[in-house]
Amino acid sequence: SNPAGFNGLIGKIMTMYQSQPDYAAQDLARIDAPVLILDGDADEVIELEHTRTLAELIPTAELCLIPGTGHMAPWQKPAQFNRIVLDFLARE
């Protein structure tokens, strides 16, 4: 059985998915802080093309794709995910 509120959560996620993000390319181009864009290369939720476009639009972005991993990379490959994040933070 579904936990209470699950259908409501799915509805909110779908609304967010259809309307977010709503940043203009010009907004992303102004980001000057270091940015790590980390995702699985087999993400079932976010299209890989969108992830790559985001990395291209942010001048300071570093794109890292974990091979054979989906949207839940922190749970699917926690050691690799954590190493990538910690390595990024250690450089900054």
PDB file of N, CA and C in Angstrom:
ATOM      1  N   SER A   1       0.833  -1.194   0.000  1.00  0.00           N
ATOM      2  CA  SER A   1       0.000   0.000   0.000  1.00  0.00           C
ATOM      3  C   SER A   1       0.872   1.250   0.000  1.00  0.00           C
ATOM      4  N   ASN A   2       0.308   2.342  -0.496  1.00  0.00           N
ATOM      5  CA  ASN A   2       1.026   3.609  -0.556  1.00  0.00           C
ATOM      6  C   ASN A   2       0.953   4.329   0.783  1.00  0.00           C
ATOM      7  N   PRO A   3       2.044   4.965   1.180  1.00  0.00           N
ATOM      8  CA  PRO A   3       1.992   5.761   2.405  1.00  0.00           C
ATOM      9  C   PRO A   3       1.055   6.953   2.214  1.00  0.00           C
ATOM     10  N   ALA A   4       0.520   7.427   3.320  1.00  0.00           N
ATOM     11  CA  ALA A   4      -0.388   8.577   3.271  1.00  0.00           C
ATOM     12  C   ALA A   4       0.319   9.760   2.621  1.00  0.00           C
ATOM     13  N   GLY A   5      -0.357  10.435   1.742  1.00  0.00           N
ATOM     14  CA  GLY A   5       0.189  11.622   1.096  1.00  0.00           C
ATOM     15  C   GLY A   5       1.047  11.357  -0.132  1.00  0.00           C
ATOM     16  N   PHE A   6       1.241  10.077  -0.499  1.00  0.00           N
ATOM     17  CA  PHE A   6       2.115   9.761  -1.633  1.00  0.00           C
ATOM     18  C   PHE A   6       1.592  10.363  -2.931  1.00  0.00           C
ATOM     19  N   ASN A   7       0.302  10.229  -3.182  1.00  0.00           N
ATOM     20  CA  ASN A   7      -0.271  10.773  -4.421  1.00  0.00           C
ATOM     21  C   ASN A   7      -0.123  12.290  -4.477  1.00  0.00           C
ATOM     22  N   GLY A   8      -0.285  12.944  -3.333  1.00  0.00           N
ATOM     23  CA  GLY A   8      -0.097  14.393  -3.284  1.00  0.00           C
ATOM     24  C   GLY A   8       1.338  14.775  -3.595  1.00  0.00           C
ATOM     25  N   LEU A   9       2.269  13.992  -3.084  1.00  0.00           N
ATOM     26  CA  LEU A   9       3.683  14.242  -3.354  1.00  0.00           C
ATOM     27  C   LEU A   9       3.970  14.103  -4.844  1.00  0.00           C
ATOM     28  N   ILE A  10       3.462  13.053  -5.449  1.00  0.00           N
ATOM     29  CA  ILE A  10       3.679  12.844  -6.881  1.00  0.00           C
ATOM     30  C   ILE A  10       3.105  14.014  -7.680  1.00  0.00           C
ATOM     31  N   GLY A  11       1.941  14.490  -7.304  1.00  0.00           N
ATOM     32  CA  GLY A  11       1.346  15.640  -7.985  1.00  0.00           C
ATOM     33  C   GLY A  11       2.222  16.877  -7.894  1.00  0.00           C
ATOM     34  N   LYS A  12       2.789  17.121  -6.711  1.00  0.00           N
ATOM     35  CA  LYS A  12       3.671  18.276  -6.537  1.00  0.00           C
ATOM     36  C   LYS A  12       4.954  18.113  -7.344  1.00  0.00           C
ATOM     37  N   ILE A  13       5.482  16.919  -7.367  1.00  0.00           N
ATOM     38  CA  ILE A  13       6.702  16.666  -8.146  1.00  0.00           C
ATOM     39  C   ILE A  13       6.437  16.893  -9.628  1.00  0.00           C
ATOM     40  N   MET A  14       5.304  16.426 -10.123  1.00  0.00           N
ATOM     41  CA  MET A  14       4.985  16.615 -11.534  1.00  0.00           C
ATOM     42  C   MET A  14       4.811  18.091 -11.874  1.00  0.00           C
ATOM     43  N   THR A  15       4.181  18.853 -10.976  1.00  0.00           N
ATOM     44  CA  THR A  15       4.037  20.293 -11.193  1.00  0.00           C
ATOM     45  C   THR A  15       5.408  20.950 -11.248  1.00  0.00           C
ATOM     46  N   MET A  16       6.286  20.582 -10.319  1.00  0.00           N
ATOM     47  CA  MET A  16       7.633  21.133 -10.305  1.00  0.00           C
ATOM     48  C   MET A  16       8.383  20.739 -11.575  1.00  0.00           C
ATOM     49  N   TYR A  17       8.263  19.488 -11.971  1.00  0.00           N
ATOM     50  CA  TYR A  17       8.963  18.993 -13.152  1.00  0.00           C
ATOM     51  C   TYR A  17       8.549  19.760 -14.413  1.00  0.00           C
ATOM     52  N   GLN A  18       7.270  20.151 -14.483  1.00  0.00           N
ATOM     53  CA  GLN A  18       6.774  20.856 -15.661  1.00  0.00           C
ATOM     54  C   GLN A  18       7.110  22.345 -15.656  1.00  0.00           C
ATOM     55  N   SER A  19       7.445  22.903 -14.488  1.00  0.00           N
ATOM     56  CA  SER A  19       7.652  24.347 -14.404  1.00  0.00           C
ATOM     57  C   SER A  19       9.068  24.741 -13.963  1.00  0.00           C
ATOM     58  N   GLN A  20       9.877  23.814 -13.568  1.00  0.00           N
ATOM     59  CA  GLN A  20      11.209  24.125 -13.047  1.00  0.00           C
ATOM     60  C   GLN A  20      12.275  23.421 -13.869  1.00  0.00           C
ATOM     61  N   PRO A  21      13.455  23.854 -13.916  1.00  0.00           N
ATOM     62  CA  PRO A  21      13.850  25.172 -13.413  1.00  0.00           C
ATOM     63  C   PRO A  21      13.400  26.258 -14.379  1.00  0.00           C
ATOM     64  N   ASP A  22      13.302  27.437 -13.876  1.00  0.00           N
ATOM     65  CA  ASP A  22      12.853  28.527 -14.740  1.00  0.00           C
ATOM     66  C   ASP A  22      13.900  29.635 -14.837  1.00  0.00           C
ATOM     67  N   TYR A  23      15.163  29.245 -14.777  1.00  0.00           N
ATOM     68  CA  TYR A  23      16.250  30.206 -14.926  1.00  0.00           C
ATOM     69  C   TYR A  23      16.511  30.459 -16.410  1.00  0.00           C
ATOM     70  N   ALA A  24      16.768  31.697 -16.720  1.00  0.00           N
ATOM     71  CA  ALA A  24      17.131  32.048 -18.093  1.00  0.00           C
ATOM     72  C   ALA A  24      18.617  31.753 -18.294  1.00  0.00           C
ATOM     73  N   ALA A  25      18.996  31.522 -19.528  1.00  0.00           N
ATOM     74  CA  ALA A  25      20.404  31.262 -19.847  1.00  0.00           C
ATOM     75  C   ALA A  25      21.286  32.403 -19.348  1.00  0.00           C
ATOM     76  N   GLN A  26      20.782  33.635 -19.421  1.00  0.00           N
ATOM     77  CA  GLN A  26      21.552  34.787 -18.953  1.00  0.00           C
ATOM     78  C   GLN A  26      21.795  34.705 -17.447  1.00  0.00           C
ATOM     79  N   ASP A  27      20.821  34.204 -16.687  1.00  0.00           N
ATOM     80  CA  ASP A  27      20.986  34.043 -15.241  1.00  0.00           C
ATOM     81  C   ASP A  27      22.087  33.030 -14.943  1.00  0.00           C
ATOM     82  N   LEU A  28      22.058  31.919 -15.650  1.00  0.00           N
ATOM     83  CA  LEU A  28      23.050  30.873 -15.435  1.00  0.00           C
ATOM     84  C   LEU A  28      24.441  31.351 -15.835  1.00  0.00           C
ATOM     85  N   ALA A  29      24.531  32.153 -16.876  1.00  0.00           N
ATOM     86  CA  ALA A  29      25.816  32.654 -17.352  1.00  0.00           C
ATOM     87  C   ALA A  29      26.478  33.592 -16.349  1.00  0.00           C
ATOM     88  N   ARG A  30      25.709  34.157 -15.438  1.00  0.00           N
ATOM     89  CA  ARG A  30      26.257  35.082 -14.438  1.00  0.00           C
ATOM     90  C   ARG A  30      26.795  34.380 -13.196  1.00  0.00           C
ATOM     91  N   ILE A  31      26.594  33.087 -13.085  1.00  0.00           N
ATOM     92  CA  ILE A  31      27.094  32.359 -11.915  1.00  0.00           C
ATOM     93  C   ILE A  31      28.611  32.322 -11.984  1.00  0.00           C
ATOM     94  N   ASP A  32      29.253  32.781 -10.908  1.00  0.00           N
ATOM     95  CA  ASP A  32      30.713  32.783 -10.910  1.00  0.00           C
ATOM     96  C   ASP A  32      31.307  31.950  -9.775  1.00  0.00           C
ATOM     97  N   ALA A  33      30.477  31.297  -9.021  1.00  0.00           N
ATOM     98  CA  ALA A  33      30.951  30.393  -7.969  1.00  0.00           C
ATOM     99  C   ALA A  33      31.224  29.019  -8.587  1.00  0.00           C
ATOM    100  N   PRO A  34      32.144  28.266  -8.012  1.00  0.00           N
ATOM    101  CA  PRO A  34      32.373  26.907  -8.506  1.00  0.00           C
ATOM    102  C   PRO A  34      31.103  26.068  -8.377  1.00  0.00           C
ATOM    103  N   VAL A  35      30.797  25.318  -9.415  1.00  0.00           N
ATOM    104  CA  VAL A  35      29.583  24.507  -9.441  1.00  0.00           C
ATOM    105  C   VAL A  35      29.938  23.098  -9.900  1.00  0.00           C
ATOM    106  N   LEU A  36      29.472  22.124  -9.141  1.00  0.00           N
ATOM    107  CA  LEU A  36      29.606  20.727  -9.541  1.00  0.00           C
ATOM    108  C   LEU A  36      28.238  20.240  -9.984  1.00  0.00           C
ATOM    109  N   ILE A  37      28.141  19.787 -11.210  1.00  0.00           N
ATOM    110  CA  ILE A  37      26.924  19.169 -11.710  1.00  0.00           C
ATOM    111  C   ILE A  37      27.222  17.686 -11.792  1.00  0.00           C
ATOM    112  N   LEU A  38      26.620  16.937 -10.888  1.00  0.00           N
ATOM    113  CA  LEU A  38      26.915  15.522 -10.726  1.00  0.00           C
ATOM    114  C   LEU A  38      25.640  14.733 -10.936  1.00  0.00           C
ATOM    115  N   ASP A  39      25.695  13.767 -11.823  1.00  0.00           N
ATOM    116  CA  ASP A  39      24.514  12.980 -12.152  1.00  0.00           C
ATOM    117  C   ASP A  39      24.973  11.622 -12.666  1.00  0.00           C
ATOM    118  N   GLY A  40      24.020  10.713 -12.752  1.00  0.00           N
ATOM    119  CA  GLY A  40      24.288   9.438 -13.398  1.00  0.00           C
ATOM    120  C   GLY A  40      24.087   9.586 -14.894  1.00  0.00           C
ATOM    121  N   ASP A  41      24.831   8.832 -15.662  1.00  0.00           N
ATOM    122  CA  ASP A  41      24.685   8.944 -17.120  1.00  0.00           C
ATOM    123  C   ASP A  41      23.448   8.219 -17.636  1.00  0.00           C
ATOM    124  N   ALA A  42      22.732   7.540 -16.736  1.00  0.00           N
ATOM    125  CA  ALA A  42      21.501   6.838 -17.112  1.00  0.00           C
ATOM    126  C   ALA A  42      20.322   7.355 -16.281  1.00  0.00           C
ATOM    127  N   ASP A  43      20.317   8.650 -15.995  1.00  0.00           N
ATOM    128  CA  ASP A  43      19.249   9.258 -15.193  1.00  0.00           C
ATOM    129  C   ASP A  43      17.902   9.035 -15.864  1.00  0.00           C
ATOM    130  N   GLU A  44      16.954   8.521 -15.091  1.00  0.00           N
ATOM    131  CA  GLU A  44      15.621   8.222 -15.616  1.00  0.00           C
ATOM    132  C   GLU A  44      14.681   9.420 -15.503  1.00  0.00           C
ATOM    133  N   VAL A  45      15.096  10.465 -14.788  1.00  0.00           N
ATOM    134  CA  VAL A  45      14.220  11.605 -14.513  1.00  0.00           C
ATOM    135  C   VAL A  45      14.647  12.836 -15.306  1.00  0.00           C
ATOM    136  N   ILE A  46      15.913  13.149 -15.258  1.00  0.00           N
ATOM    137  CA  ILE A  46      16.443  14.332 -15.932  1.00  0.00           C
ATOM    138  C   ILE A  46      17.142  13.889 -17.217  1.00  0.00           C
ATOM    139  N   GLU A  47      16.769  14.491 -18.315  1.00  0.00           N
ATOM    140  CA  GLU A  47      17.379  14.125 -19.587  1.00  0.00           C
ATOM    141  C   GLU A  47      18.846  14.545 -19.610  1.00  0.00           C
ATOM    142  N   LEU A  48      19.697  13.660 -20.095  1.00  0.00           N
ATOM    143  CA  LEU A  48      21.131  13.916 -20.148  1.00  0.00           C
ATOM    144  C   LEU A  48      21.439  15.194 -20.934  1.00  0.00           C
ATOM    145  N   GLU A  49      20.681  15.440 -21.975  1.00  0.00           N
ATOM    146  CA  GLU A  49      20.863  16.666 -22.762  1.00  0.00           C
ATOM    147  C   GLU A  49      20.665  17.909 -21.893  1.00  0.00           C
ATOM    148  N   HIS A  50      19.690  17.875 -20.985  1.00  0.00           N
ATOM    149  CA  HIS A  50      19.432  19.018 -20.108  1.00  0.00           C
ATOM    150  C   HIS A  50      20.584  19.207 -19.118  1.00  0.00           C
ATOM    151  N   THR A  51      21.101  18.104 -18.597  1.00  0.00           N
ATOM    152  CA  THR A  51      22.225  18.180 -17.670  1.00  0.00           C
ATOM    153  C   THR A  51      23.439  18.785 -18.364  1.00  0.00           C
ATOM    154  N   ARG A  52      23.710  18.346 -19.560  1.00  0.00           N
ATOM    155  CA  ARG A  52      24.858  18.876 -20.309  1.00  0.00           C
ATOM    156  C   ARG A  52      24.663  20.347 -20.664  1.00  0.00           C
ATOM    157  N   THR A  53      23.448  20.714 -21.027  1.00  0.00           N
ATOM    158  CA  THR A  53      23.165  22.118 -21.351  1.00  0.00           C
ATOM    159  C   THR A  53      23.378  22.997 -20.124  1.00  0.00           C
ATOM    160  N   LEU A  54      22.933  22.548 -18.977  1.00  0.00           N
ATOM    161  CA  LEU A  54      23.137  23.296 -17.739  1.00  0.00           C
ATOM    162  C   LEU A  54      24.626  23.519 -17.502  1.00  0.00           C
ATOM    163  N   ALA A  55      25.419  22.485 -17.677  1.00  0.00           N
ATOM    164  CA  ALA A  55      26.866  22.603 -17.479  1.00  0.00           C
ATOM    165  C   ALA A  55      27.497  23.563 -18.491  1.00  0.00           C
ATOM    166  N   GLU A  56      26.970  23.590 -19.685  1.00  0.00           N
ATOM    167  CA  GLU A  56      27.501  24.494 -20.707  1.00  0.00           C
ATOM    168  C   GLU A  56      27.141  25.947 -20.420  1.00  0.00           C
ATOM    169  N   LEU A  57      25.977  26.171 -19.835  1.00  0.00           N
ATOM    170  CA  LEU A  57      25.510  27.534 -19.598  1.00  0.00           C
ATOM    171  C   LEU A  57      26.146  28.189 -18.374  1.00  0.00           C
ATOM    172  N   ILE A  58      26.618  27.385 -17.430  1.00  0.00           N
ATOM    173  CA  ILE A  58      27.265  27.932 -16.232  1.00  0.00           C
ATOM    174  C   ILE A  58      28.767  27.927 -16.483  1.00  0.00           C
ATOM    175  N   PRO A  59      29.374  29.096 -16.581  1.00  0.00           N
ATOM    176  CA  PRO A  59      30.787  29.162 -16.962  1.00  0.00           C
ATOM    177  C   PRO A  59      31.730  28.436 -16.001  1.00  0.00           C
ATOM    178  N   THR A  60      31.360  28.350 -14.747  1.00  0.00           N
ATOM    179  CA  THR A  60      32.232  27.744 -13.742  1.00  0.00           C
ATOM    180  C   THR A  60      31.858  26.301 -13.434  1.00  0.00           C
ATOM    181  N   ALA A  61      30.977  25.731 -14.232  1.00  0.00           N
ATOM    182  CA  ALA A  61      30.478  24.388 -13.939  1.00  0.00           C
ATOM    183  C   ALA A  61      31.460  23.303 -14.339  1.00  0.00           C
ATOM    184  N   GLU A  62      31.505  22.297 -13.489  1.00  0.00           N
ATOM    185  CA  GLU A  62      32.229  21.065 -13.784  1.00  0.00           C
ATOM    186  C   GLU A  62      31.185  19.966 -13.869  1.00  0.00           C
ATOM    187  N   LEU A  63      31.128  19.279 -14.985  1.00  0.00           N
ATOM    188  CA  LEU A  63      30.158  18.208 -15.190  1.00  0.00           C
ATOM    189  C   LEU A  63      30.827  16.871 -14.912  1.00  0.00           C
ATOM    190  N   CYS A  64      30.171  16.074 -14.093  1.00  0.00           N
ATOM    191  CA  CYS A  64      30.658  14.736 -13.802  1.00  0.00           C
ATOM    192  C   CYS A  64      29.475  13.775 -13.894  1.00  0.00           C
ATOM    193  N   LEU A  65      29.594  12.787 -14.764  1.00  0.00           N
ATOM    194  CA  LEU A  65      28.553  11.782 -14.944  1.00  0.00           C
ATOM    195  C   LEU A  65      29.089  10.434 -14.469  1.00  0.00           C
ATOM    196  N   ILE A  66      28.346   9.792 -13.586  1.00  0.00           N
ATOM    197  CA  ILE A  66      28.751   8.490 -13.078  1.00  0.00           C
ATOM    198  C   ILE A  66      28.197   7.425 -14.024  1.00  0.00           C
ATOM    199  N   PRO A  67      29.073   6.640 -14.628  1.00  0.00           N
ATOM    200  CA  PRO A  67      28.628   5.625 -15.591  1.00  0.00           C
ATOM    201  C   PRO A  67      27.706   4.580 -14.966  1.00  0.00           C
ATOM    202  N   GLY A  68      26.689   4.204 -15.741  1.00  0.00           N
ATOM    203  CA  GLY A  68      25.781   3.149 -15.317  1.00  0.00           C
ATOM    204  C   GLY A  68      24.958   3.478 -14.097  1.00  0.00           C
ATOM    205  N   THR A  69      24.684   4.748 -13.898  1.00  0.00           N
ATOM    206  CA  THR A  69      23.979   5.189 -12.695  1.00  0.00           C
ATOM    207  C   THR A  69      22.792   6.047 -13.096  1.00  0.00           C
ATOM    208  N   GLY A  70      21.707   5.917 -12.326  1.00  0.00           N
ATOM    209  CA  GLY A  70      20.495   6.672 -12.594  1.00  0.00           C
ATOM    210  C   GLY A  70      20.374   7.911 -11.728  1.00  0.00           C
ATOM    211  N   HIS A  71      19.144   8.346 -11.516  1.00  0.00           N
ATOM    212  CA  HIS A  71      18.834   9.575 -10.795  1.00  0.00           C
ATOM    213  C   HIS A  71      19.210   9.490  -9.320  1.00  0.00           C
ATOM    214  N   MET A  72      19.245   8.312  -8.777  1.00  0.00           N
ATOM    215  CA  MET A  72      19.512   8.143  -7.342  1.00  0.00           C
ATOM    216  C   MET A  72      20.967   7.758  -7.082  1.00  0.00           C
ATOM    217  N   ALA A  73      21.882   8.451  -7.711  1.00  0.00           N
ATOM    218  CA  ALA A  73      23.310   8.152  -7.584  1.00  0.00           C
ATOM    219  C   ALA A  73      23.786   8.082  -6.130  1.00  0.00           C
ATOM    220  N   PRO A  74      23.322   8.965  -5.230  1.00  0.00           N
ATOM    221  CA  PRO A  74      23.806   8.859  -3.846  1.00  0.00           C
ATOM    222  C   PRO A  74      23.465   7.519  -3.189  1.00  0.00           C
ATOM    223  N   TRP A  75      22.402   6.875  -3.643  1.00  0.00           N
ATOM    224  CA  TRP A  75      22.021   5.574  -3.092  1.00  0.00           C
ATOM    225  C   TRP A  75      22.550   4.423  -3.941  1.00  0.00           C
ATOM    226  N   GLN A  76      22.659   4.648  -5.236  1.00  0.00           N
ATOM    227  CA  GLN A  76      23.119   3.583  -6.121  1.00  0.00           C
ATOM    228  C   GLN A  76      24.619   3.353  -6.014  1.00  0.00           C
ATOM    229  N   LYS A  77      25.375   4.430  -5.930  1.00  0.00           N
ATOM    230  CA  LYS A  77      26.836   4.341  -5.847  1.00  0.00           C
ATOM    231  C   LYS A  77      27.345   5.351  -4.819  1.00  0.00           C
ATOM    232  N   PRO A  78      26.994   5.143  -3.547  1.00  0.00           N
ATOM    233  CA  PRO A  78      27.313   6.150  -2.524  1.00  0.00           C
ATOM    234  C   PRO A  78      28.807   6.431  -2.365  1.00  0.00           C
ATOM    235  N   ALA A  79      29.639   5.422  -2.411  1.00  0.00           N
ATOM    236  CA  ALA A  79      31.074   5.660  -2.221  1.00  0.00           C
ATOM    237  C   ALA A  79      31.630   6.535  -3.344  1.00  0.00           C
ATOM    238  N   GLN A  80      31.262   6.233  -4.572  1.00  0.00           N
ATOM    239  CA  GLN A  80      31.745   7.011  -5.714  1.00  0.00           C
ATOM    240  C   GLN A  80      31.167   8.424  -5.677  1.00  0.00           C
ATOM    241  N   PHE A  81      29.880   8.531  -5.408  1.00  0.00           N
ATOM    242  CA  PHE A  81      29.223   9.837  -5.330  1.00  0.00           C
ATOM    243  C   PHE A  81      29.899  10.704  -4.258  1.00  0.00           C
ATOM    244  N   ASN A  82      30.075  10.149  -3.073  1.00  0.00           N
ATOM    245  CA  ASN A  82      30.677  10.907  -1.973  1.00  0.00           C
ATOM    246  C   ASN A  82      32.114  11.313  -2.287  1.00  0.00           C
ATOM    247  N   ARG A  83      32.880  10.425  -2.911  1.00  0.00           N
ATOM    248  CA  ARG A  83      34.269  10.744  -3.265  1.00  0.00           C
ATOM    249  C   ARG A  83      34.318  11.926  -4.227  1.00  0.00           C
ATOM    250  N   ILE A  84      33.435  11.926  -5.215  1.00  0.00           N
ATOM    251  CA  ILE A  84      33.401  13.013  -6.196  1.00  0.00           C
ATOM    252  C   ILE A  84      33.059  14.339  -5.517  1.00  0.00           C
ATOM    253  N   VAL A  85      32.058  14.325  -4.645  1.00  0.00           N
ATOM    254  CA  VAL A  85      31.652  15.551  -3.949  1.00  0.00           C
ATOM    255  C   VAL A  85      32.770  16.034  -3.026  1.00  0.00           C
ATOM    256  N   LEU A  86      33.350  15.127  -2.258  1.00  0.00           N
ATOM    257  CA  LEU A  86      34.414  15.526  -1.333  1.00  0.00           C
ATOM    258  C   LEU A  86      35.649  16.027  -2.077  1.00  0.00           C
ATOM    259  N   ASP A  87      35.996  15.406  -3.184  1.00  0.00           N
ATOM    260  CA  ASP A  87      37.115  15.879  -3.996  1.00  0.00           C
ATOM    261  C   ASP A  87      36.845  17.294  -4.524  1.00  0.00           C
ATOM    262  N   PHE A  88      35.634  17.539  -4.967  1.00  0.00           N
ATOM    263  CA  PHE A  88      35.249  18.865  -5.467  1.00  0.00           C
ATOM    264  C   PHE A  88      35.359  19.896  -4.343  1.00  0.00           C
ATOM    265  N   LEU A  89      34.825  19.573  -3.187  1.00  0.00           N
ATOM    266  CA  LEU A  89      34.854  20.515  -2.062  1.00  0.00           C
ATOM    267  C   LEU A  89      36.285  20.765  -1.580  1.00  0.00           C
ATOM    268  N   ALA A  90      37.132  19.761  -1.641  1.00  0.00           N
ATOM    269  CA  ALA A  90      38.515  19.920  -1.187  1.00  0.00           C
ATOM    270  C   ALA A  90      39.293  20.871  -2.087  1.00  0.00           C
ATOM    271  N   ARG A  91      38.892  20.980  -3.345  1.00  0.00           N
ATOM    272  CA  ARG A  91      39.585  21.881  -4.280  1.00  0.00           C
ATOM    273  C   ARG A  91      39.178  23.333  -4.066  1.00  0.00           C
ATOM    274  N   GLU A  92      38.034  23.520  -3.466  1.00  0.00           N
ATOM    275  CA  GLU A  92      37.488  24.877  -3.342  1.00  0.00           C
ATOM    276  C   GLU A  92      37.915  25.555  -2.054  1.00  0.00           C
TER     277      GLU A  92
END
